[in-house]
Every structure is written in C-alpha cells, then in structure tokens.
Amino acid sequence: MPLYEYKKNAENRIRLPEGMGKNIICGSQEVLKSIAGKIADVKKGLVLFDGWYGVNWDKIITELKAELPDARFTNAATLFKTVEIIEDYREPSLTDDPSFGWVNDQGILEDIMDEEKIELFKQ
C-alpha cells in the first residue's frame, strides 16, 4: 500500500486563537463526563451520536449510563431490517467487484429501516 504522507505533512499542527485552548477537553473519561454533564442539563429530548464504526460504542454507552442512570440508550443499528433483507435490497446495485457497484439513486434510508422496531422505539 502506498504511503500518502511524508515528513512535511505528517504532523497536523492546528493554530488556535489565543485562549481557545482552555475549551479543549482531552482524555476519554474527561470527554464523556463533559458530554454527560451537558446531557444531564436537558430535561427532555433526544441526543444522537454518529460516529465511525471502529469506535467502541458499547464502552462509551456503558460509561454514559453510569453517569446518566435515568437516560435511555438505543443503538440505531438495532432499528434496521435484517442483514438478509438488506442484502437482497442492495443486490441489484452490486457488480462483480466487491469494492464498487451501481448507485442506488432511488433508495432512501427508510427502505432498510424496520417500521415495527421504530414504532417500538418511539414508545
């Protein structure tokens, strides 16, 4: 695999306006406590997290639950149709190359969401 960086661009040095550094929170525990503190101030509402699949969401949610014992957490992945149904849905867009396919320009996210699961979630 080629290397797409070299010494000149390997370091990402960001210049911040003076005083902004005090608003930066470092460390997993500190970030989660800050998030929990902001959520705890909300009397009623919905908080959504979107992130990379490589993030250990189970750990994050476990730690947030400890900070927010009255909050309800749901993994949105549980609201989708089964893998088999989704595979059938996307099959017409696939080609022989697993890295590529055809654009499904008619599809919408709701096509692969399970309406019954969503209704149960809303309750």
N, C-alpha and C. Protein backbone atom coordinates (compact mmCIF):
# COMPACT_ATOMS: atom_id res chain seq x y z
N MET A 1 0.84 -1.17 0.00
CA MET A 1 0.00 0.00 0.00
C MET A 1 0.90 1.24 0.00
N PRO A 2 0.62 2.21 -0.85
CA PRO A 2 1.46 3.40 -0.91
C PRO A 2 1.30 4.27 0.33
N LEU A 3 2.32 5.02 0.64
CA LEU A 3 2.29 5.95 1.75
C LEU A 3 1.91 7.31 1.19
N TYR A 4 0.84 7.90 1.69
CA TYR A 4 0.33 9.15 1.13
C TYR A 4 0.76 10.37 1.92
N GLU A 5 1.70 10.22 2.81
CA GLU A 5 2.18 11.38 3.52
C GLU A 5 3.69 11.31 3.61
N TYR A 6 4.27 12.37 3.97
CA TYR A 6 5.71 12.41 4.17
C TYR A 6 5.97 13.38 5.31
N LYS A 7 7.21 13.58 5.65
CA LYS A 7 7.55 14.34 6.84
C LYS A 7 6.91 15.73 6.87
N LYS A 8 6.78 16.36 5.71
CA LYS A 8 6.25 17.72 5.69
C LYS A 8 4.77 17.78 6.10
N ASN A 9 3.99 16.75 5.76
CA ASN A 9 2.56 16.84 6.08
C ASN A 9 2.12 15.79 7.10
N ALA A 10 3.05 15.11 7.72
CA ALA A 10 2.68 14.05 8.67
C ALA A 10 2.20 14.61 10.00
N GLU A 11 2.63 15.81 10.34
CA GLU A 11 2.18 16.43 11.59
C GLU A 11 1.08 17.43 11.27
N ASN A 12 0.02 17.32 12.03
CA ASN A 12 -1.12 18.20 11.85
C ASN A 12 -1.10 19.23 12.97
N ARG A 13 -0.50 20.35 12.72
CA ARG A 13 -0.40 21.41 13.73
C ARG A 13 -1.47 22.45 13.43
N ILE A 14 -2.39 22.57 14.34
CA ILE A 14 -3.51 23.50 14.17
C ILE A 14 -3.26 24.72 15.03
N ARG A 15 -3.38 25.87 14.44
CA ARG A 15 -3.21 27.12 15.20
C ARG A 15 -4.58 27.58 15.67
N LEU A 16 -4.68 27.80 16.96
CA LEU A 16 -5.93 28.24 17.55
C LEU A 16 -5.80 29.68 18.03
N PRO A 17 -6.89 30.40 18.01
CA PRO A 17 -6.85 31.74 18.59
C PRO A 17 -6.48 31.66 20.07
N GLU A 18 -5.82 32.69 20.54
CA GLU A 18 -5.39 32.71 21.94
C GLU A 18 -6.59 32.51 22.87
N GLY A 19 -6.42 31.69 23.87
CA GLY A 19 -7.46 31.43 24.86
C GLY A 19 -8.40 30.29 24.50
N MET A 20 -8.42 29.86 23.24
CA MET A 20 -9.33 28.79 22.85
C MET A 20 -8.90 27.44 23.42
N GLY A 21 -7.63 27.27 23.69
CA GLY A 21 -7.12 26.01 24.22
C GLY A 21 -7.80 25.57 25.51
N LYS A 22 -8.29 26.54 26.29
CA LYS A 22 -8.95 26.19 27.55
C LYS A 22 -10.27 25.45 27.33
N ASN A 23 -10.81 25.50 26.11
CA ASN A 23 -12.07 24.83 25.78
C ASN A 23 -11.86 23.41 25.27
N ILE A 24 -10.62 22.99 25.13
CA ILE A 24 -10.33 21.66 24.61
C ILE A 24 -10.28 20.67 25.77
N ILE A 25 -10.98 19.57 25.61
CA ILE A 25 -11.02 18.53 26.64
C ILE A 25 -10.27 17.32 26.10
N CYS A 26 -9.33 16.82 26.88
CA CYS A 26 -8.53 15.67 26.46
C CYS A 26 -8.79 14.48 27.37
N GLY A 27 -8.78 13.30 26.78
CA GLY A 27 -8.94 12.07 27.54
C GLY A 27 -10.37 11.56 27.48
N SER A 28 -10.51 10.27 27.30
CA SER A 28 -11.84 9.66 27.14
C SER A 28 -12.76 9.95 28.31
N GLN A 29 -12.28 9.72 29.51
CA GLN A 29 -13.13 9.92 30.70
C GLN A 29 -13.59 11.37 30.81
N GLU A 30 -12.65 12.30 30.59
CA GLU A 30 -12.99 13.71 30.70
C GLU A 30 -14.01 14.13 29.64
N VAL A 31 -13.85 13.62 28.43
CA VAL A 31 -14.79 13.94 27.35
C VAL A 31 -16.17 13.39 27.69
N LEU A 32 -16.23 12.13 28.14
CA LEU A 32 -17.52 11.53 28.48
C LEU A 32 -18.20 12.26 29.64
N LYS A 33 -17.45 12.67 30.62
CA LYS A 33 -18.02 13.42 31.74
C LYS A 33 -18.58 14.76 31.26
N SER A 34 -17.87 15.40 30.34
CA SER A 34 -18.34 16.67 29.79
C SER A 34 -19.64 16.47 29.00
N ILE A 35 -19.67 15.42 28.18
CA ILE A 35 -20.88 15.12 27.40
C ILE A 35 -22.04 14.83 28.36
N ALA A 36 -21.79 13.99 29.35
CA ALA A 36 -22.84 13.63 30.32
C ALA A 36 -23.34 14.87 31.04
N GLY A 37 -22.44 15.77 31.40
CA GLY A 37 -22.85 16.99 32.07
C GLY A 37 -23.77 17.84 31.22
N LYS A 38 -23.49 17.91 29.94
CA LYS A 38 -24.33 18.69 29.04
C LYS A 38 -25.69 18.01 28.83
N ILE A 39 -25.70 16.68 28.73
CA ILE A 39 -26.95 15.96 28.55
C ILE A 39 -27.80 16.04 29.82
N ALA A 40 -27.16 15.97 30.98
CA ALA A 40 -27.89 15.98 32.26
C ALA A 40 -28.68 17.27 32.44
N ASP A 41 -28.25 18.35 31.81
CA ASP A 41 -28.95 19.63 31.92
C ASP A 41 -30.23 19.68 31.11
N VAL A 42 -30.42 18.72 30.20
CA VAL A 42 -31.60 18.69 29.35
C VAL A 42 -32.71 17.94 30.08
N LYS A 43 -33.87 18.58 30.21
CA LYS A 43 -34.99 17.94 30.93
C LYS A 43 -35.65 16.85 30.09
N LYS A 44 -35.82 17.12 28.81
CA LYS A 44 -36.46 16.15 27.93
C LYS A 44 -35.92 16.38 26.53
N GLY A 45 -35.66 15.30 25.82
CA GLY A 45 -35.16 15.46 24.47
C GLY A 45 -34.51 14.19 23.98
N LEU A 46 -33.84 14.34 22.87
CA LEU A 46 -33.20 13.22 22.21
C LEU A 46 -31.78 13.63 21.86
N VAL A 47 -30.83 12.82 22.23
CA VAL A 47 -29.43 13.08 21.90
C VAL A 47 -28.97 11.95 21.00
N LEU A 48 -28.39 12.31 19.87
CA LEU A 48 -27.93 11.32 18.91
C LEU A 48 -26.42 11.41 18.75
N PHE A 49 -25.78 10.26 18.66
CA PHE A 49 -24.36 10.19 18.39
C PHE A 49 -24.18 9.50 17.04
N ASP A 50 -23.34 10.07 16.23
CA ASP A 50 -22.99 9.46 14.96
C ASP A 50 -21.48 9.36 14.93
N GLY A 51 -20.98 8.22 14.57
CA GLY A 51 -19.54 8.10 14.58
C GLY A 51 -19.05 6.91 13.79
N TRP A 52 -17.78 6.82 13.72
CA TRP A 52 -17.09 5.79 12.97
C TRP A 52 -17.37 4.41 13.55
N TYR A 53 -17.49 3.41 12.71
CA TYR A 53 -17.80 2.06 13.16
C TYR A 53 -16.68 1.46 14.00
N GLY A 54 -15.49 2.00 13.92
CA GLY A 54 -14.37 1.48 14.70
C GLY A 54 -14.36 1.96 16.14
N VAL A 55 -15.26 2.87 16.49
CA VAL A 55 -15.34 3.37 17.86
C VAL A 55 -15.99 2.30 18.73
N ASN A 56 -15.49 2.13 19.94
CA ASN A 56 -16.07 1.17 20.87
C ASN A 56 -17.30 1.81 21.52
N TRP A 57 -18.40 1.80 20.79
CA TRP A 57 -19.63 2.45 21.26
C TRP A 57 -20.18 1.78 22.51
N ASP A 58 -20.02 0.46 22.63
CA ASP A 58 -20.52 -0.22 23.83
C ASP A 58 -19.86 0.35 25.09
N LYS A 59 -18.57 0.58 25.02
CA LYS A 59 -17.86 1.14 26.17
C LYS A 59 -18.34 2.56 26.45
N ILE A 60 -18.49 3.35 25.41
CA ILE A 60 -18.94 4.73 25.60
C ILE A 60 -20.32 4.76 26.23
N ILE A 61 -21.23 3.95 25.71
CA ILE A 61 -22.59 3.93 26.25
C ILE A 61 -22.60 3.42 27.68
N THR A 62 -21.81 2.40 27.98
CA THR A 62 -21.73 1.88 29.35
C THR A 62 -21.29 2.99 30.30
N GLU A 63 -20.28 3.74 29.89
CA GLU A 63 -19.79 4.82 30.75
C GLU A 63 -20.79 5.96 30.86
N LEU A 64 -21.49 6.27 29.78
CA LEU A 64 -22.52 7.31 29.86
C LEU A 64 -23.69 6.87 30.73
N LYS A 65 -24.04 5.59 30.66
CA LYS A 65 -25.12 5.07 31.52
C LYS A 65 -24.77 5.22 32.99
N ALA A 66 -23.49 5.03 33.31
CA ALA A 66 -23.07 5.19 34.70
C ALA A 66 -23.23 6.64 35.15
N GLU A 67 -22.98 7.57 34.24
CA GLU A 67 -23.12 9.00 34.56
C GLU A 67 -24.57 9.47 34.51
N LEU A 68 -25.38 8.80 33.68
CA LEU A 68 -26.77 9.20 33.45
C LEU A 68 -27.71 8.00 33.64
N PRO A 69 -27.89 7.55 34.88
CA PRO A 69 -28.65 6.32 35.10
C PRO A 69 -30.12 6.38 34.67
N ASP A 70 -30.69 7.57 34.54
CA ASP A 70 -32.10 7.68 34.14
C ASP A 70 -32.29 7.81 32.63
N ALA A 71 -31.20 7.92 31.90
CA ALA A 71 -31.29 8.09 30.45
C ALA A 71 -31.51 6.74 29.76
N ARG A 72 -32.12 6.79 28.61
CA ARG A 72 -32.37 5.59 27.80
C ARG A 72 -31.45 5.64 26.60
N PHE A 73 -30.79 4.53 26.32
CA PHE A 73 -29.85 4.46 25.20
C PHE A 73 -30.30 3.37 24.24
N THR A 74 -30.25 3.68 22.94
CA THR A 74 -30.60 2.71 21.92
C THR A 74 -29.57 2.78 20.79
N ASN A 75 -29.08 1.64 20.39
CA ASN A 75 -28.18 1.57 19.26
C ASN A 75 -29.04 1.57 18.00
N ALA A 76 -28.89 2.59 17.17
CA ALA A 76 -29.73 2.72 15.97
C ALA A 76 -29.59 1.54 15.02
N ALA A 77 -28.48 0.82 15.10
CA ALA A 77 -28.28 -0.35 14.23
C ALA A 77 -29.35 -1.41 14.49
N THR A 78 -29.93 -1.40 15.68
CA THR A 78 -30.97 -2.39 16.01
C THR A 78 -32.31 -2.04 15.36
N LEU A 79 -32.41 -0.88 14.74
CA LEU A 79 -33.66 -0.44 14.13
C LEU A 79 -33.75 -0.77 12.63
N PHE A 80 -32.70 -1.39 12.11
CA PHE A 80 -32.69 -1.76 10.70
C PHE A 80 -33.34 -3.12 10.47
N LYS A 81 -33.70 -3.37 9.23
CA LYS A 81 -34.19 -4.69 8.84
C LYS A 81 -33.05 -5.69 8.98
N THR A 82 -33.34 -6.95 8.80
CA THR A 82 -32.32 -7.99 8.96
C THR A 82 -31.25 -7.88 7.88
N VAL A 83 -30.10 -8.44 8.16
CA VAL A 83 -28.99 -8.44 7.20
C VAL A 83 -29.44 -9.07 5.89
N GLU A 84 -30.19 -10.15 5.97
CA GLU A 84 -30.63 -10.86 4.75
C GLU A 84 -31.51 -9.95 3.89
N ILE A 85 -32.42 -9.23 4.51
CA ILE A 85 -33.31 -8.33 3.75
C ILE A 85 -32.50 -7.20 3.13
N ILE A 86 -31.55 -6.67 3.88
CA ILE A 86 -30.71 -5.58 3.35
C ILE A 86 -29.84 -6.08 2.21
N GLU A 87 -29.30 -7.29 2.34
CA GLU A 87 -28.50 -7.87 1.24
C GLU A 87 -29.34 -8.02 -0.02
N ASP A 88 -30.57 -8.50 0.12
CA ASP A 88 -31.46 -8.62 -1.04
C ASP A 88 -31.77 -7.25 -1.65
N TYR A 89 -31.96 -6.26 -0.80
CA TYR A 89 -32.26 -4.91 -1.25
C TYR A 89 -31.11 -4.32 -2.07
N ARG A 90 -29.89 -4.54 -1.63
CA ARG A 90 -28.75 -3.93 -2.31
C ARG A 90 -28.21 -4.76 -3.47
N GLU A 91 -28.65 -5.99 -3.60
CA GLU A 91 -28.14 -6.90 -4.62
C GLU A 91 -28.20 -6.32 -6.04
N PRO A 92 -29.28 -5.65 -6.45
CA PRO A 92 -29.31 -5.11 -7.82
C PRO A 92 -28.24 -4.04 -8.07
N SER A 93 -27.69 -3.46 -7.03
CA SER A 93 -26.68 -2.40 -7.19
C SER A 93 -25.26 -2.93 -7.17
N LEU A 94 -25.08 -4.21 -6.95
CA LEU A 94 -23.74 -4.79 -6.87
C LEU A 94 -23.22 -5.19 -8.24
N THR A 95 -21.91 -5.25 -8.35
CA THR A 95 -21.25 -5.73 -9.56
C THR A 95 -20.34 -6.89 -9.16
N ASP A 96 -19.55 -7.39 -10.08
CA ASP A 96 -18.60 -8.46 -9.76
C ASP A 96 -17.48 -7.99 -8.86
N ASP A 97 -17.24 -6.71 -8.82
CA ASP A 97 -16.18 -6.14 -8.00
C ASP A 97 -16.78 -5.73 -6.66
N PRO A 98 -16.39 -6.37 -5.54
CA PRO A 98 -17.00 -6.06 -4.25
C PRO A 98 -16.71 -4.65 -3.76
N SER A 99 -15.71 -3.98 -4.35
CA SER A 99 -15.38 -2.63 -3.92
C SER A 99 -16.23 -1.57 -4.61
N PHE A 100 -16.92 -1.95 -5.66
CA PHE A 100 -17.70 -0.99 -6.42
C PHE A 100 -19.10 -1.53 -6.68
N GLY A 101 -19.93 -0.70 -7.20
CA GLY A 101 -21.29 -1.10 -7.54
C GLY A 101 -21.95 0.03 -8.29
N TRP A 102 -23.26 -0.05 -8.42
CA TRP A 102 -24.02 0.98 -9.08
C TRP A 102 -24.69 1.83 -8.01
N VAL A 103 -24.87 3.09 -8.31
CA VAL A 103 -25.51 3.99 -7.36
C VAL A 103 -27.01 3.69 -7.30
N ASN A 104 -27.53 3.56 -6.11
CA ASN A 104 -28.96 3.39 -5.91
C ASN A 104 -29.54 4.79 -5.72
N ASP A 105 -29.84 5.45 -6.83
CA ASP A 105 -30.31 6.83 -6.75
C ASP A 105 -31.80 6.95 -6.45
N GLN A 106 -32.47 5.82 -6.31
CA GLN A 106 -33.89 5.83 -5.97
C GLN A 106 -34.14 5.46 -4.51
N GLY A 107 -33.11 4.91 -3.86
CA GLY A 107 -33.28 4.41 -2.50
C GLY A 107 -33.24 5.52 -1.45
N ILE A 108 -33.90 5.24 -0.34
CA ILE A 108 -33.86 6.14 0.81
C ILE A 108 -33.61 5.29 2.05
N LEU A 109 -33.13 5.90 3.09
CA LEU A 109 -32.77 5.18 4.31
C LEU A 109 -33.95 4.37 4.85
N GLU A 110 -35.13 4.92 4.75
CA GLU A 110 -36.32 4.23 5.28
C GLU A 110 -36.55 2.88 4.60
N ASP A 111 -36.00 2.69 3.41
CA ASP A 111 -36.15 1.41 2.70
C ASP A 111 -35.57 0.25 3.51
N ILE A 112 -34.56 0.52 4.31
CA ILE A 112 -33.90 -0.56 5.04
C ILE A 112 -34.12 -0.47 6.55
N MET A 113 -35.01 0.43 6.97
CA MET A 113 -35.36 0.54 8.38
C MET A 113 -36.60 -0.31 8.65
N ASP A 114 -36.65 -0.90 9.83
CA ASP A 114 -37.77 -1.75 10.22
C ASP A 114 -38.82 -0.89 10.94
N GLU A 115 -39.96 -0.70 10.30
CA GLU A 115 -41.01 0.17 10.84
C GLU A 115 -41.51 -0.28 12.21
N GLU A 116 -41.65 -1.58 12.41
CA GLU A 116 -42.12 -2.09 13.70
C GLU A 116 -41.12 -1.77 14.81
N LYS A 117 -39.84 -1.96 14.53
CA LYS A 117 -38.81 -1.66 15.52
C LYS A 117 -38.78 -0.16 15.84
N ILE A 118 -38.99 0.65 14.83
CA ILE A 118 -39.00 2.10 15.05
C ILE A 118 -40.20 2.50 15.90
N GLU A 119 -41.35 1.91 15.64
CA GLU A 119 -42.54 2.21 16.44
C GLU A 119 -42.34 1.79 17.90
N LEU A 120 -41.74 0.64 18.11
CA LEU A 120 -41.44 0.21 19.49
C LEU A 120 -40.45 1.15 20.16
N PHE A 121 -39.49 1.63 19.41
CA PHE A 121 -38.51 2.58 19.93
C PHE A 121 -39.18 3.88 20.38
N LYS A 122 -40.17 4.33 19.63
CA LYS A 122 -40.84 5.59 19.93
C LYS A 122 -41.63 5.53 21.23
N GLN A 123 -42.01 4.33 21.65
CA GLN A 123 -42.83 4.21 22.86
C GLN A 123 -42.07 4.47 24.09
